[in-house]
Amino acid sequence: MPLTPDMRRSIDQIRDYLFGGGYPDPVSNAEQLSFLFFFYLVEGIDTENKLKSKVLKTPYESLFAGDWTIRNPLNAEAGQMTIPRDRFRWSVWAKGLSGEALVRFLRDEVFAFFAEMGEAAAHNFMDGARLAIIDPTVLTQVVNLVDGLRLDASDSDTKGDLFEHVLRQIRQAGELGQFRTPRHVIRTIVEIIDPKVGETIYDPAAGTAGFLVAAYNH
């Protein structure tokens, strides 16, 4: 599925909402959209891993298994200070909340949930992450537009093109050239190099880690 004009217009519309809503910094906006894209995609990745484990008959515990202790009492329901982690699926909170409730839950619970995940990873990809879009109307509109992009139906090349379109909003983008190498070029180079298990791969310009992921898959 290629990057369609509708997807480009949606990204431009998100940019316009953010700019008009009092968020003019393109760098911060790109960062915030990256977080939302990630939160959206994790649910699909978790579902795919669960299906793979079932087929391969290997153990797998969902990222959304168990309970979560509420960080902000205002997000608690009926005095219960824990909620099922299943509530952190994009399809649950992004579609079920809006306005102030969305801001509060995303800021105090969702970011904390993924920060915990980041701390357990080899590299804390959520270090210092926080919600910067705190206007209820703007955030609701942006979340709805991100949901409408249907990122789960896009291949890796389309996601890369989409992210690069987001990065083009940064003024310096035109001076920095391409942000990523096209996936078909990456695959060809990896096949030529033919890396083996046990060898070390050095990629000093690992922007989106495309070469490293392709080498791992290879």
N, C-alpha and C. Protein backbone atom coordinates (compact mmCIF):
# COMPACT_ATOMS: atom_id res chain seq x y z
N MET A 1 0.85 -1.20 0.00
CA MET A 1 0.00 0.00 0.00
C MET A 1 0.88 1.24 0.00
N PRO A 2 0.92 2.01 -1.09
CA PRO A 2 1.77 3.20 -1.16
C PRO A 2 1.21 4.34 -0.33
N LEU A 3 2.07 5.33 -0.11
CA LEU A 3 1.62 6.53 0.61
C LEU A 3 0.66 7.29 -0.29
N THR A 4 -0.59 7.33 0.09
CA THR A 4 -1.63 7.92 -0.76
C THR A 4 -1.74 9.42 -0.52
N PRO A 5 -2.33 10.13 -1.50
CA PRO A 5 -2.57 11.56 -1.29
C PRO A 5 -3.43 11.83 -0.06
N ASP A 6 -4.37 10.93 0.24
CA ASP A 6 -5.22 11.12 1.42
C ASP A 6 -4.39 11.06 2.70
N MET A 7 -3.40 10.16 2.74
CA MET A 7 -2.55 10.06 3.92
C MET A 7 -1.70 11.32 4.07
N ARG A 8 -1.20 11.82 2.95
CA ARG A 8 -0.42 13.06 2.99
C ARG A 8 -1.29 14.22 3.49
N ARG A 9 -2.52 14.28 2.98
CA ARG A 9 -3.42 15.35 3.41
C ARG A 9 -3.74 15.23 4.90
N SER A 10 -3.86 14.00 5.38
CA SER A 10 -4.15 13.80 6.80
C SER A 10 -3.00 14.30 7.66
N ILE A 11 -1.76 14.01 7.24
CA ILE A 11 -0.60 14.49 7.98
C ILE A 11 -0.55 16.02 7.95
N ASP A 12 -0.83 16.60 6.78
CA ASP A 12 -0.85 18.06 6.68
C ASP A 12 -1.96 18.65 7.55
N GLN A 13 -3.09 17.94 7.62
CA GLN A 13 -4.19 18.42 8.45
C GLN A 13 -3.81 18.36 9.93
N ILE A 14 -3.10 17.31 10.32
CA ILE A 14 -2.61 17.22 11.70
C ILE A 14 -1.68 18.38 12.00
N ARG A 15 -0.78 18.66 11.07
CA ARG A 15 0.14 19.78 11.25
C ARG A 15 -0.62 21.09 11.41
N ASP A 16 -1.66 21.28 10.59
CA ASP A 16 -2.44 22.51 10.66
C ASP A 16 -3.18 22.62 12.00
N TYR A 17 -3.73 21.49 12.47
CA TYR A 17 -4.41 21.49 13.77
C TYR A 17 -3.44 21.88 14.88
N LEU A 18 -2.24 21.31 14.82
CA LEU A 18 -1.25 21.59 15.86
C LEU A 18 -0.81 23.05 15.81
N PHE A 19 -0.53 23.52 14.60
CA PHE A 19 -0.08 24.91 14.46
C PHE A 19 -1.18 25.87 14.89
N GLY A 20 -2.39 25.64 14.43
CA GLY A 20 -3.50 26.52 14.78
C GLY A 20 -3.91 26.41 16.23
N GLY A 21 -3.60 25.26 16.85
CA GLY A 21 -3.96 25.07 18.25
C GLY A 21 -2.92 25.56 19.23
N GLY A 22 -1.86 26.20 18.72
CA GLY A 22 -0.86 26.76 19.61
C GLY A 22 0.38 25.90 19.77
N TYR A 23 0.61 24.99 18.80
CA TYR A 23 1.80 24.14 18.85
C TYR A 23 2.59 24.32 17.56
N PRO A 24 3.36 25.41 17.45
CA PRO A 24 4.03 25.75 16.19
C PRO A 24 5.39 25.07 15.98
N ASP A 25 5.94 24.41 17.02
CA ASP A 25 7.28 23.85 16.91
C ASP A 25 7.24 22.54 16.12
N PRO A 26 7.78 22.50 14.90
CA PRO A 26 7.71 21.28 14.07
C PRO A 26 8.50 20.12 14.66
N VAL A 27 9.57 20.40 15.38
CA VAL A 27 10.37 19.33 15.99
C VAL A 27 9.58 18.63 17.08
N SER A 28 8.98 19.42 17.96
CA SER A 28 8.16 18.85 19.03
C SER A 28 6.96 18.10 18.47
N ASN A 29 6.35 18.66 17.43
CA ASN A 29 5.19 18.02 16.81
C ASN A 29 5.56 16.67 16.19
N ALA A 30 6.72 16.61 15.53
CA ALA A 30 7.18 15.35 14.94
C ALA A 30 7.41 14.32 16.03
N GLU A 31 7.96 14.76 17.15
CA GLU A 31 8.20 13.86 18.27
C GLU A 31 6.89 13.32 18.83
N GLN A 32 5.92 14.21 19.02
CA GLN A 32 4.62 13.79 19.56
C GLN A 32 3.90 12.82 18.63
N LEU A 33 3.97 13.09 17.33
CA LEU A 33 3.34 12.18 16.37
C LEU A 33 4.04 10.82 16.37
N SER A 34 5.36 10.82 16.57
CA SER A 34 6.09 9.56 16.63
C SER A 34 5.60 8.71 17.80
N PHE A 35 5.37 9.34 18.95
CA PHE A 35 4.83 8.61 20.09
C PHE A 35 3.46 8.02 19.77
N LEU A 36 2.60 8.82 19.16
CA LEU A 36 1.25 8.34 18.84
C LEU A 36 1.29 7.21 17.82
N PHE A 37 2.17 7.33 16.82
CA PHE A 37 2.32 6.24 15.84
C PHE A 37 2.74 4.96 16.55
N PHE A 38 3.69 5.09 17.47
CA PHE A 38 4.19 3.92 18.20
C PHE A 38 3.09 3.29 19.05
N PHE A 39 2.34 4.11 19.78
CA PHE A 39 1.26 3.60 20.61
C PHE A 39 0.23 2.86 19.75
N TYR A 40 -0.01 3.37 18.56
CA TYR A 40 -0.97 2.74 17.65
C TYR A 40 -0.44 1.37 17.18
N LEU A 41 0.81 1.33 16.79
CA LEU A 41 1.36 0.13 16.16
C LEU A 41 1.62 -1.01 17.14
N VAL A 42 1.88 -0.68 18.40
CA VAL A 42 2.22 -1.72 19.38
C VAL A 42 1.12 -2.76 19.51
N GLU A 43 -0.13 -2.33 19.46
CA GLU A 43 -1.24 -3.27 19.60
C GLU A 43 -1.19 -4.33 18.49
N GLY A 44 -0.96 -3.91 17.26
CA GLY A 44 -0.88 -4.85 16.15
C GLY A 44 0.31 -5.79 16.27
N ILE A 45 1.45 -5.24 16.72
CA ILE A 45 2.65 -6.06 16.90
C ILE A 45 2.41 -7.13 17.96
N ASP A 46 1.76 -6.73 19.05
CA ASP A 46 1.46 -7.67 20.13
C ASP A 46 0.53 -8.78 19.64
N THR A 47 -0.49 -8.41 18.88
CA THR A 47 -1.42 -9.40 18.33
C THR A 47 -0.71 -10.37 17.39
N GLU A 48 0.17 -9.83 16.56
CA GLU A 48 0.91 -10.67 15.61
C GLU A 48 1.83 -11.64 16.36
N ASN A 49 2.50 -11.16 17.40
CA ASN A 49 3.39 -12.03 18.19
C ASN A 49 2.60 -13.13 18.89
N LYS A 50 1.41 -12.79 19.33
CA LYS A 50 0.56 -13.79 19.99
C LYS A 50 0.16 -14.88 19.01
N LEU A 51 -0.18 -14.50 17.77
CA LEU A 51 -0.55 -15.48 16.76
C LEU A 51 0.64 -16.36 16.37
N LYS A 52 1.81 -15.74 16.27
CA LYS A 52 3.02 -16.51 15.93
C LYS A 52 3.32 -17.54 17.01
N SER A 53 3.18 -17.13 18.28
CA SER A 53 3.47 -18.05 19.38
C SER A 53 2.50 -19.22 19.38
N LYS A 54 1.27 -18.96 18.97
CA LYS A 54 0.27 -20.03 18.92
C LYS A 54 0.61 -21.03 17.82
N VAL A 55 1.04 -20.50 16.66
CA VAL A 55 1.39 -21.37 15.54
C VAL A 55 2.66 -22.17 15.86
N LEU A 56 3.65 -21.50 16.46
CA LEU A 56 4.93 -22.14 16.75
C LEU A 56 4.92 -22.91 18.07
N LYS A 57 3.79 -22.77 18.81
CA LYS A 57 3.65 -23.43 20.11
C LYS A 57 4.76 -23.02 21.07
N THR A 58 5.03 -21.71 21.10
CA THR A 58 6.02 -21.15 22.01
C THR A 58 5.32 -20.20 22.99
N PRO A 59 5.83 -20.08 24.21
CA PRO A 59 5.17 -19.21 25.19
C PRO A 59 5.30 -17.74 24.83
N TYR A 60 4.26 -16.99 25.08
CA TYR A 60 4.30 -15.54 24.86
C TYR A 60 3.30 -14.86 25.79
N GLU A 61 3.76 -13.89 26.52
CA GLU A 61 2.88 -13.12 27.40
C GLU A 61 2.62 -11.76 26.77
N SER A 62 1.37 -11.46 26.56
CA SER A 62 1.00 -10.19 25.94
C SER A 62 1.51 -9.01 26.76
N LEU A 63 1.85 -7.94 26.04
CA LEU A 63 2.26 -6.70 26.72
C LEU A 63 1.10 -6.11 27.52
N PHE A 64 -0.10 -6.54 27.18
CA PHE A 64 -1.29 -5.98 27.82
C PHE A 64 -1.92 -6.96 28.81
N ALA A 65 -1.13 -7.93 29.28
CA ALA A 65 -1.63 -8.90 30.26
C ALA A 65 -1.40 -8.36 31.68
N GLY A 66 -2.33 -8.65 32.57
CA GLY A 66 -2.19 -8.25 33.96
C GLY A 66 -2.90 -6.95 34.28
N ASP A 67 -2.57 -6.39 35.42
CA ASP A 67 -3.21 -5.16 35.90
C ASP A 67 -2.20 -4.03 36.01
N TRP A 68 -2.71 -2.82 35.99
CA TRP A 68 -1.90 -1.60 36.06
C TRP A 68 -2.37 -0.77 37.25
N THR A 69 -1.43 -0.29 38.06
CA THR A 69 -1.77 0.58 39.17
C THR A 69 -1.88 2.01 38.68
N ILE A 70 -3.03 2.60 38.87
CA ILE A 70 -3.30 3.96 38.39
C ILE A 70 -2.34 4.97 38.99
N ARG A 71 -1.80 5.83 38.13
CA ARG A 71 -0.87 6.87 38.60
C ARG A 71 -1.60 8.13 39.06
N ASN A 72 -2.71 8.45 38.40
CA ASN A 72 -3.50 9.63 38.76
C ASN A 72 -4.86 9.16 39.25
N PRO A 73 -5.22 9.41 40.52
CA PRO A 73 -6.51 8.96 41.06
C PRO A 73 -7.71 9.41 40.24
N LEU A 74 -7.56 10.51 39.51
CA LEU A 74 -8.68 11.00 38.70
C LEU A 74 -9.00 10.04 37.55
N ASN A 75 -8.07 9.15 37.23
CA ASN A 75 -8.29 8.17 36.18
C ASN A 75 -8.89 6.87 36.72
N ALA A 76 -9.04 6.79 38.04
CA ALA A 76 -9.59 5.58 38.66
C ALA A 76 -11.10 5.50 38.46
N GLU A 77 -11.61 4.28 38.48
CA GLU A 77 -13.04 4.07 38.31
C GLU A 77 -13.61 3.42 39.57
N ALA A 78 -14.65 4.03 40.12
CA ALA A 78 -15.36 3.48 41.28
C ALA A 78 -14.41 3.14 42.42
N GLY A 79 -13.41 4.00 42.62
CA GLY A 79 -12.48 3.81 43.73
C GLY A 79 -11.44 2.73 43.51
N GLN A 80 -11.46 2.07 42.34
CA GLN A 80 -10.48 1.03 42.05
C GLN A 80 -9.19 1.67 41.54
N MET A 81 -8.08 1.37 42.22
CA MET A 81 -6.81 1.97 41.85
C MET A 81 -6.01 1.11 40.87
N THR A 82 -6.60 0.05 40.36
CA THR A 82 -5.96 -0.75 39.32
C THR A 82 -6.94 -0.94 38.16
N ILE A 83 -6.39 -1.07 36.97
CA ILE A 83 -7.18 -1.35 35.78
C ILE A 83 -6.47 -2.43 34.97
N PRO A 84 -7.18 -3.17 34.14
CA PRO A 84 -6.50 -4.17 33.29
C PRO A 84 -5.56 -3.46 32.31
N ARG A 85 -4.39 -4.02 32.10
CA ARG A 85 -3.45 -3.43 31.14
C ARG A 85 -4.03 -3.44 29.74
N ASP A 86 -5.05 -4.24 29.54
CA ASP A 86 -5.71 -4.29 28.24
C ASP A 86 -6.26 -2.92 27.84
N ARG A 87 -6.47 -2.06 28.84
CA ARG A 87 -6.99 -0.71 28.56
C ARG A 87 -5.98 0.15 27.80
N PHE A 88 -4.73 -0.31 27.74
CA PHE A 88 -3.71 0.49 27.07
C PHE A 88 -3.59 0.17 25.58
N ARG A 89 -4.47 -0.68 25.10
CA ARG A 89 -4.55 -0.88 23.66
C ARG A 89 -5.11 0.38 23.02
N TRP A 90 -4.52 0.77 21.90
CA TRP A 90 -4.98 1.97 21.18
C TRP A 90 -6.47 1.88 20.89
N SER A 91 -6.94 0.71 20.48
CA SER A 91 -8.33 0.54 20.10
C SER A 91 -9.29 0.77 21.27
N VAL A 92 -8.75 0.77 22.49
CA VAL A 92 -9.59 0.99 23.68
C VAL A 92 -9.60 2.47 24.07
N TRP A 93 -8.42 3.01 24.41
CA TRP A 93 -8.42 4.38 24.94
C TRP A 93 -8.57 5.44 23.84
N ALA A 94 -7.99 5.22 22.67
CA ALA A 94 -8.05 6.23 21.61
C ALA A 94 -9.46 6.38 21.06
N LYS A 95 -10.21 5.28 21.08
CA LYS A 95 -11.57 5.33 20.54
C LYS A 95 -12.61 5.58 21.63
N GLY A 96 -12.22 5.37 22.89
CA GLY A 96 -13.20 5.49 23.96
C GLY A 96 -13.12 6.78 24.77
N LEU A 97 -12.05 7.55 24.58
CA LEU A 97 -11.88 8.78 25.37
C LEU A 97 -11.76 10.00 24.47
N SER A 98 -12.09 11.15 25.02
CA SER A 98 -11.94 12.42 24.29
C SER A 98 -11.82 13.54 25.31
N GLY A 99 -11.44 14.72 24.84
CA GLY A 99 -11.40 15.90 25.70
C GLY A 99 -10.44 15.77 26.87
N GLU A 100 -10.84 16.30 28.02
CA GLU A 100 -10.01 16.32 29.22
C GLU A 100 -9.65 14.90 29.67
N ALA A 101 -10.61 13.98 29.57
CA ALA A 101 -10.35 12.60 29.99
C ALA A 101 -9.24 11.97 29.15
N LEU A 102 -9.22 12.28 27.85
CA LEU A 102 -8.18 11.76 26.97
C LEU A 102 -6.82 12.32 27.35
N VAL A 103 -6.75 13.63 27.56
CA VAL A 103 -5.49 14.27 27.95
C VAL A 103 -4.96 13.66 29.23
N ARG A 104 -5.82 13.54 30.23
CA ARG A 104 -5.41 13.04 31.54
C ARG A 104 -4.92 11.59 31.47
N PHE A 105 -5.67 10.75 30.75
CA PHE A 105 -5.30 9.33 30.68
C PHE A 105 -4.04 9.13 29.86
N LEU A 106 -3.93 9.83 28.74
CA LEU A 106 -2.75 9.70 27.89
C LEU A 106 -1.51 10.24 28.60
N ARG A 107 -1.65 11.39 29.25
CA ARG A 107 -0.51 12.04 29.92
C ARG A 107 -0.03 11.23 31.12
N ASP A 108 -0.96 10.80 31.97
CA ASP A 108 -0.58 10.21 33.26
C ASP A 108 -0.50 8.70 33.26
N GLU A 109 -1.19 8.03 32.34
CA GLU A 109 -1.20 6.57 32.36
C GLU A 109 -0.52 5.95 31.14
N VAL A 110 -0.92 6.37 29.93
CA VAL A 110 -0.37 5.75 28.73
C VAL A 110 1.13 6.00 28.61
N PHE A 111 1.56 7.23 28.80
CA PHE A 111 2.99 7.52 28.72
C PHE A 111 3.75 6.78 29.81
N ALA A 112 3.16 6.69 31.01
CA ALA A 112 3.81 5.96 32.10
C ALA A 112 3.90 4.47 31.78
N PHE A 113 2.86 3.93 31.17
CA PHE A 113 2.82 2.52 30.79
C PHE A 113 3.96 2.19 29.82
N PHE A 114 4.11 3.01 28.78
CA PHE A 114 5.14 2.75 27.80
C PHE A 114 6.53 3.14 28.32
N ALA A 115 6.59 4.08 29.28
CA ALA A 115 7.87 4.40 29.91
C ALA A 115 8.38 3.19 30.68
N GLU A 116 7.48 2.49 31.34
CA GLU A 116 7.85 1.25 32.05
C GLU A 116 8.38 0.22 31.07
N MET A 117 7.74 0.13 29.91
CA MET A 117 8.20 -0.78 28.87
C MET A 117 9.59 -0.38 28.38
N GLY A 118 9.80 0.92 28.21
CA GLY A 118 11.10 1.41 27.75
C GLY A 118 12.22 1.12 28.73
N GLU A 119 11.92 1.24 30.01
CA GLU A 119 12.93 0.97 31.04
C GLU A 119 13.37 -0.49 31.04
N ALA A 120 12.48 -1.37 30.62
CA ALA A 120 12.80 -2.80 30.60
C ALA A 120 13.51 -3.21 29.32
N ALA A 121 13.60 -2.29 28.35
CA ALA A 121 14.23 -2.60 27.07
C ALA A 121 15.75 -2.39 27.14
N ALA A 122 16.44 -2.88 26.12
CA ALA A 122 17.90 -2.72 26.07
C ALA A 122 18.28 -1.24 26.01
N HIS A 123 17.45 -0.47 25.33
CA HIS A 123 17.65 0.99 25.26
C HIS A 123 16.34 1.66 25.63
N ASN A 124 16.39 2.56 26.58
CA ASN A 124 15.16 3.22 27.04
C ASN A 124 14.69 4.24 26.01
N PHE A 125 13.87 3.78 25.09
CA PHE A 125 13.39 4.63 24.00
C PHE A 125 12.36 5.66 24.48
N MET A 126 11.89 5.52 25.72
CA MET A 126 10.90 6.46 26.25
C MET A 126 11.50 7.42 27.28
N ASP A 127 12.82 7.43 27.38
CA ASP A 127 13.48 8.29 28.37
C ASP A 127 13.12 9.76 28.13
N GLY A 128 12.52 10.39 29.12
CA GLY A 128 12.15 11.80 29.03
C GLY A 128 10.90 12.07 28.24
N ALA A 129 10.20 11.03 27.78
CA ALA A 129 9.00 11.22 26.97
C ALA A 129 7.86 11.79 27.81
N ARG A 130 7.12 12.71 27.22
CA ARG A 130 5.96 13.28 27.90
C ARG A 130 4.98 13.80 26.86
N LEU A 131 3.74 13.93 27.29
CA LEU A 131 2.72 14.47 26.40
C LEU A 131 2.82 15.99 26.38
N ALA A 132 3.01 16.56 25.19
CA ALA A 132 3.12 18.02 25.06
C ALA A 132 1.84 18.63 24.51
N ILE A 133 0.98 17.82 23.89
CA ILE A 133 -0.28 18.32 23.33
C ILE A 133 -1.36 18.19 24.40
N ILE A 134 -1.55 19.23 25.17
CA ILE A 134 -2.46 19.14 26.32
C ILE A 134 -3.77 19.90 26.11
N ASP A 135 -3.97 20.49 24.93
CA ASP A 135 -5.25 21.10 24.63
C ASP A 135 -6.23 19.97 24.28
N PRO A 136 -7.33 19.83 25.03
CA PRO A 136 -8.24 18.69 24.84
C PRO A 136 -8.80 18.57 23.42
N THR A 137 -9.19 19.71 22.83
CA THR A 137 -9.76 19.67 21.49
C THR A 137 -8.73 19.27 20.45
N VAL A 138 -7.56 19.87 20.53
CA VAL A 138 -6.49 19.58 19.57
C VAL A 138 -6.06 18.12 19.68
N LEU A 139 -5.87 17.64 20.92
CA LEU A 139 -5.42 16.26 21.10
C LEU A 139 -6.46 15.27 20.57
N THR A 140 -7.73 15.52 20.85
CA THR A 140 -8.79 14.63 20.36
C THR A 140 -8.78 14.57 18.84
N GLN A 141 -8.65 15.73 18.19
CA GLN A 141 -8.63 15.77 16.73
C GLN A 141 -7.42 15.04 16.16
N VAL A 142 -6.26 15.25 16.78
CA VAL A 142 -5.03 14.63 16.30
C VAL A 142 -5.10 13.10 16.45
N VAL A 143 -5.57 12.63 17.60
CA VAL A 143 -5.69 11.19 17.83
C VAL A 143 -6.65 10.57 16.81
N ASN A 144 -7.75 11.24 16.55
CA ASN A 144 -8.71 10.73 15.56
C ASN A 144 -8.11 10.66 14.16
N LEU A 145 -7.31 11.67 13.81
CA LEU A 145 -6.68 11.68 12.50
C LEU A 145 -5.61 10.59 12.38
N VAL A 146 -4.84 10.39 13.45
CA VAL A 146 -3.84 9.31 13.45
C VAL A 146 -4.53 7.96 13.30
N ASP A 147 -5.65 7.79 14.01
CA ASP A 147 -6.41 6.55 13.91
C ASP A 147 -6.88 6.32 12.47
N GLY A 148 -7.25 7.40 11.80
CA GLY A 148 -7.74 7.30 10.42
C GLY A 148 -6.67 6.95 9.41
N LEU A 149 -5.39 7.06 9.79
CA LEU A 149 -4.31 6.71 8.86
C LEU A 149 -4.22 5.21 8.61
N ARG A 150 -4.80 4.42 9.52
CA ARG A 150 -4.77 2.95 9.40
C ARG A 150 -3.35 2.44 9.17
N LEU A 151 -2.45 2.80 10.06
CA LEU A 151 -1.06 2.40 9.93
C LEU A 151 -0.88 0.89 9.94
N ASP A 152 -1.79 0.17 10.57
CA ASP A 152 -1.67 -1.28 10.62
C ASP A 152 -1.84 -1.93 9.25
N ALA A 153 -2.43 -1.20 8.32
CA ALA A 153 -2.65 -1.73 6.98
C ALA A 153 -1.52 -1.34 6.02
N SER A 154 -0.52 -0.63 6.53
CA SER A 154 0.57 -0.13 5.69
C SER A 154 1.81 -1.02 5.83
N ASP A 155 2.56 -1.16 4.74
CA ASP A 155 3.81 -1.91 4.82
C ASP A 155 4.91 -1.00 5.35
N SER A 156 6.10 -1.57 5.54
CA SER A 156 7.19 -0.81 6.14
C SER A 156 7.62 0.37 5.28
N ASP A 157 7.58 0.21 3.95
CA ASP A 157 7.96 1.30 3.07
C ASP A 157 6.99 2.48 3.20
N THR A 158 5.70 2.17 3.29
CA THR A 158 4.69 3.22 3.43
C THR A 158 4.87 3.94 4.76
N LYS A 159 5.14 3.19 5.83
CA LYS A 159 5.37 3.81 7.14
C LYS A 159 6.59 4.72 7.08
N GLY A 160 7.63 4.25 6.37
CA GLY A 160 8.84 5.07 6.25
C GLY A 160 8.57 6.35 5.48
N ASP A 161 7.81 6.23 4.38
CA ASP A 161 7.46 7.41 3.58
C ASP A 161 6.61 8.38 4.41
N LEU A 162 5.70 7.82 5.20
CA LEU A 162 4.82 8.65 6.03
C LEU A 162 5.63 9.40 7.07
N PHE A 163 6.56 8.69 7.72
CA PHE A 163 7.37 9.34 8.74
C PHE A 163 8.27 10.40 8.13
N GLU A 164 8.79 10.12 6.95
CA GLU A 164 9.63 11.11 6.29
C GLU A 164 8.81 12.34 5.92
N HIS A 165 7.54 12.15 5.56
CA HIS A 165 6.67 13.28 5.26
C HIS A 165 6.46 14.14 6.52
N VAL A 166 6.38 13.47 7.66
CA VAL A 166 6.27 14.20 8.93
C VAL A 166 7.54 15.01 9.17
N LEU A 167 8.68 14.38 8.94
CA LEU A 167 9.96 15.05 9.19
C LEU A 167 10.21 16.21 8.24
N ARG A 168 9.57 16.18 7.07
CA ARG A 168 9.76 17.29 6.13
C ARG A 168 9.22 18.60 6.66
N GLN A 169 8.38 18.50 7.70
CA GLN A 169 7.85 19.73 8.27
C GLN A 169 8.94 20.50 9.02
N ILE A 170 10.00 19.79 9.39
CA ILE A 170 11.11 20.45 10.08
C ILE A 170 11.89 21.30 9.06
N ARG A 171 12.15 22.51 9.43
CA ARG A 171 12.77 23.45 8.49
C ARG A 171 14.08 22.92 7.92
N GLN A 172 14.88 22.24 8.75
CA GLN A 172 16.18 21.78 8.29
C GLN A 172 16.10 20.55 7.41
N ALA A 173 14.91 19.98 7.22
CA ALA A 173 14.79 18.72 6.50
C ALA A 173 15.39 18.80 5.10
N GLY A 174 15.15 19.93 4.42
CA GLY A 174 15.65 20.08 3.06
C GLY A 174 17.15 20.10 2.99
N GLU A 175 17.80 20.48 4.11
CA GLU A 175 19.25 20.54 4.13
C GLU A 175 19.86 19.20 4.49
N LEU A 176 19.08 18.33 5.11
CA LEU A 176 19.62 17.08 5.61
C LEU A 176 19.49 15.94 4.61
N GLY A 177 18.77 16.15 3.53
CA GLY A 177 18.62 15.10 2.54
C GLY A 177 17.66 14.02 3.00
N GLN A 178 17.85 12.80 2.48
CA GLN A 178 16.97 11.69 2.82
C GLN A 178 17.17 11.28 4.27
N PHE A 179 16.07 10.95 4.94
CA PHE A 179 16.14 10.49 6.31
C PHE A 179 16.29 8.98 6.40
N ARG A 180 16.00 8.28 5.32
CA ARG A 180 16.07 6.82 5.37
C ARG A 180 16.42 6.30 3.98
N THR A 181 16.98 5.12 3.96
CA THR A 181 17.28 4.45 2.69
C THR A 181 16.07 3.62 2.29
N PRO A 182 15.63 3.69 1.04
CA PRO A 182 14.48 2.88 0.60
C PRO A 182 14.69 1.41 0.93
N ARG A 183 13.60 0.75 1.35
CA ARG A 183 13.72 -0.62 1.85
C ARG A 183 14.24 -1.61 0.80
N HIS A 184 13.88 -1.41 -0.47
CA HIS A 184 14.37 -2.35 -1.48
C HIS A 184 15.88 -2.23 -1.66
N VAL A 185 16.42 -1.03 -1.45
CA VAL A 185 17.87 -0.83 -1.53
C VAL A 185 18.54 -1.50 -0.33
N ILE A 186 17.92 -1.34 0.85
CA ILE A 186 18.45 -1.97 2.06
C ILE A 186 18.51 -3.49 1.88
N ARG A 187 17.41 -4.06 1.39
CA ARG A 187 17.36 -5.52 1.23
C ARG A 187 18.43 -6.01 0.25
N THR A 188 18.63 -5.27 -0.83
CA THR A 188 19.63 -5.66 -1.83
C THR A 188 21.03 -5.63 -1.23
N ILE A 189 21.36 -4.57 -0.50
CA ILE A 189 22.69 -4.44 0.10
C ILE A 189 22.93 -5.54 1.13
N VAL A 190 21.91 -5.81 1.94
CA VAL A 190 22.04 -6.86 2.96
C VAL A 190 22.27 -8.21 2.30
N GLU A 191 21.54 -8.48 1.21
CA GLU A 191 21.72 -9.76 0.51
C GLU A 191 23.13 -9.88 -0.07
N ILE A 192 23.67 -8.76 -0.55
CA ILE A 192 25.04 -8.78 -1.11
C ILE A 192 26.06 -9.03 -0.01
N ILE A 193 25.89 -8.35 1.12
CA ILE A 193 26.84 -8.51 2.24
C ILE A 193 26.67 -9.88 2.90
N ASP A 194 25.43 -10.37 2.94
CA ASP A 194 25.12 -11.69 3.49
C ASP A 194 25.69 -11.88 4.90
N PRO A 195 25.25 -11.07 5.86
CA PRO A 195 25.77 -11.19 7.23
C PRO A 195 25.40 -12.53 7.87
N LYS A 196 26.30 -13.05 8.71
CA LYS A 196 26.10 -14.33 9.36
C LYS A 196 25.92 -14.14 10.87
N VAL A 197 25.21 -15.08 11.48
CA VAL A 197 25.04 -15.06 12.93
C VAL A 197 26.41 -15.12 13.59
N GLY A 198 26.65 -14.22 14.54
CA GLY A 198 27.94 -14.15 15.22
C GLY A 198 28.81 -13.02 14.73
N GLU A 199 28.51 -12.50 13.55
CA GLU A 199 29.27 -11.36 13.04
C GLU A 199 28.73 -10.06 13.64
N THR A 200 29.57 -9.04 13.63
CA THR A 200 29.19 -7.73 14.17
C THR A 200 28.85 -6.79 13.02
N ILE A 201 27.74 -6.07 13.17
CA ILE A 201 27.32 -5.12 12.15
C ILE A 201 27.47 -3.71 12.69
N TYR A 202 28.12 -2.86 11.92
CA TYR A 202 28.34 -1.47 12.32
C TYR A 202 27.59 -0.55 11.37
N ASP A 203 26.62 0.19 11.90
CA ASP A 203 25.86 1.14 11.09
C ASP A 203 25.90 2.49 11.80
N PRO A 204 26.88 3.33 11.49
CA PRO A 204 27.05 4.61 12.21
C PRO A 204 25.95 5.63 11.93
N ALA A 205 25.14 5.40 10.90
CA ALA A 205 24.07 6.35 10.58
C ALA A 205 22.72 5.66 10.70
N ALA A 206 22.54 4.92 11.78
CA ALA A 206 21.31 4.14 11.97
C ALA A 206 20.15 5.03 12.39
N GLY A 207 19.62 5.77 11.44
CA GLY A 207 18.51 6.68 11.74
C GLY A 207 17.27 5.93 12.18
N THR A 208 16.73 5.07 11.31
CA THR A 208 15.55 4.28 11.65
C THR A 208 15.92 2.82 11.84
N ALA A 209 17.21 2.51 11.88
CA ALA A 209 17.72 1.15 12.10
C ALA A 209 17.29 0.18 11.01
N GLY A 210 17.02 0.70 9.82
CA GLY A 210 16.57 -0.13 8.72
C GLY A 210 17.56 -1.23 8.35
N PHE A 211 18.85 -0.89 8.26
CA PHE A 211 19.87 -1.89 7.92
C PHE A 211 20.00 -2.94 9.01
N LEU A 212 19.95 -2.52 10.25
CA LEU A 212 20.10 -3.45 11.37
C LEU A 212 18.93 -4.43 11.44
N VAL A 213 17.72 -3.93 11.24
CA VAL A 213 16.54 -4.79 11.26
C VAL A 213 16.58 -5.76 10.08
N ALA A 214 16.94 -5.26 8.89
CA ALA A 214 17.00 -6.12 7.70
C ALA A 214 18.06 -7.20 7.88
N ALA A 215 19.19 -6.82 8.49
CA ALA A 215 20.26 -7.80 8.72
C ALA A 215 19.81 -8.86 9.73
N TYR A 216 19.10 -8.43 10.74
CA TYR A 216 18.56 -9.37 11.73
C TYR A 216 17.59 -10.34 11.08
N ASN A 217 16.68 -9.83 10.26
CA ASN A 217 15.70 -10.67 9.58
C ASN A 217 16.40 -11.63 8.61
N HIS A 218 17.45 -11.14 7.96
CA HIS A 218 18.22 -11.96 7.02
C HIS A 218 18.86 -13.14 7.73
